[in-house]
């Protein structure tokens, strides 16, 4: 995902949420509706989340340093993870607490036209924000389903905004139902029930975001399509005859590390191998432009060693692999 695409969706969501937050707090002040208070805090938390995403995007653009030689691309993952924490604590838990208090000490909704009018306005504003996020996502989603797009996206901004806007729209409908039933029955408990439902919804969305961004923070490999492109680009059929094994890792949404052990013939000269590696790196960058950090190690391919299968211990984080010829 390009930074510009994500920024457009974030700014649209930020503008909508700030306007909606002000309107919701005004409606709460006139009506005393706990659903409006919970929704106001929700919109305020969402606005803070958009600020966090913008900050993360800005910090991720810093140049690499000797202390951080692979750059700061993962800043975007860190700030996206903070978004899930804010959404869970400030948005979800506050709404559940406020709903519980309203159920325990119910009081009728006053000046019903304030919360109803604001909720209708908020649904329209959030709808425009959600439409922008969908439009930006469709340019990258391809044939993936929405669930697959959220799970596989390496840039966190659009999935975060999509889930936030989706949760906001559902929350607004829940608030409208809660306030509406409370007005019709004169029983403020329904307002509290709607508030609790909003809180549970926000907690569930926050958990999904936390799980996805945690996976990105741990480090995800390139997508299957990019892996196939890289493998095809490495082999030239002349000096480089195959890929013995390869690892890929996203250093950031738009920066990929590629490390591979490649097969060469035993009688190739060092000069031939060096030229072949340089040519393979150029082909990789042409096929997958985000592959910016590439390490290729030449080795002599051995059918006998390959027949033994991969060594389960020879993986990053495991025991030191024993030396072996390939």
Foldseek 3Di string as FASTA:
>chain_A
DDPVLLLVLLVLLLVLLVVLLVLLVVLCVQWVQLLSVLLSQLSVLSNVLSVLQVVLVVQQPDAADPVRNLGSQCSNLVSLLVSLVSLQPRRQVVLQVSLVVCLVPPAFTPPLCSLLVSLVVSLVSLVVSLVSLVVSLVVPQPPHDPVCCCQPQQRNRSNSSNLSSVLSNVLSVLQNVLNVVCNVVVIRNSSSVSSNVSSVSSNVSSVSSNVRSVVSVVWDFDDPVLVVQLQVLLDPCAFFNGWLDKTKTDPHSQAIEIETETAGAPPDDPVRVVVSRVSSVVSSCVSRVNHDHYHYHYAHDDPVVVVVPDDPQVDPPHPPDDDDHD
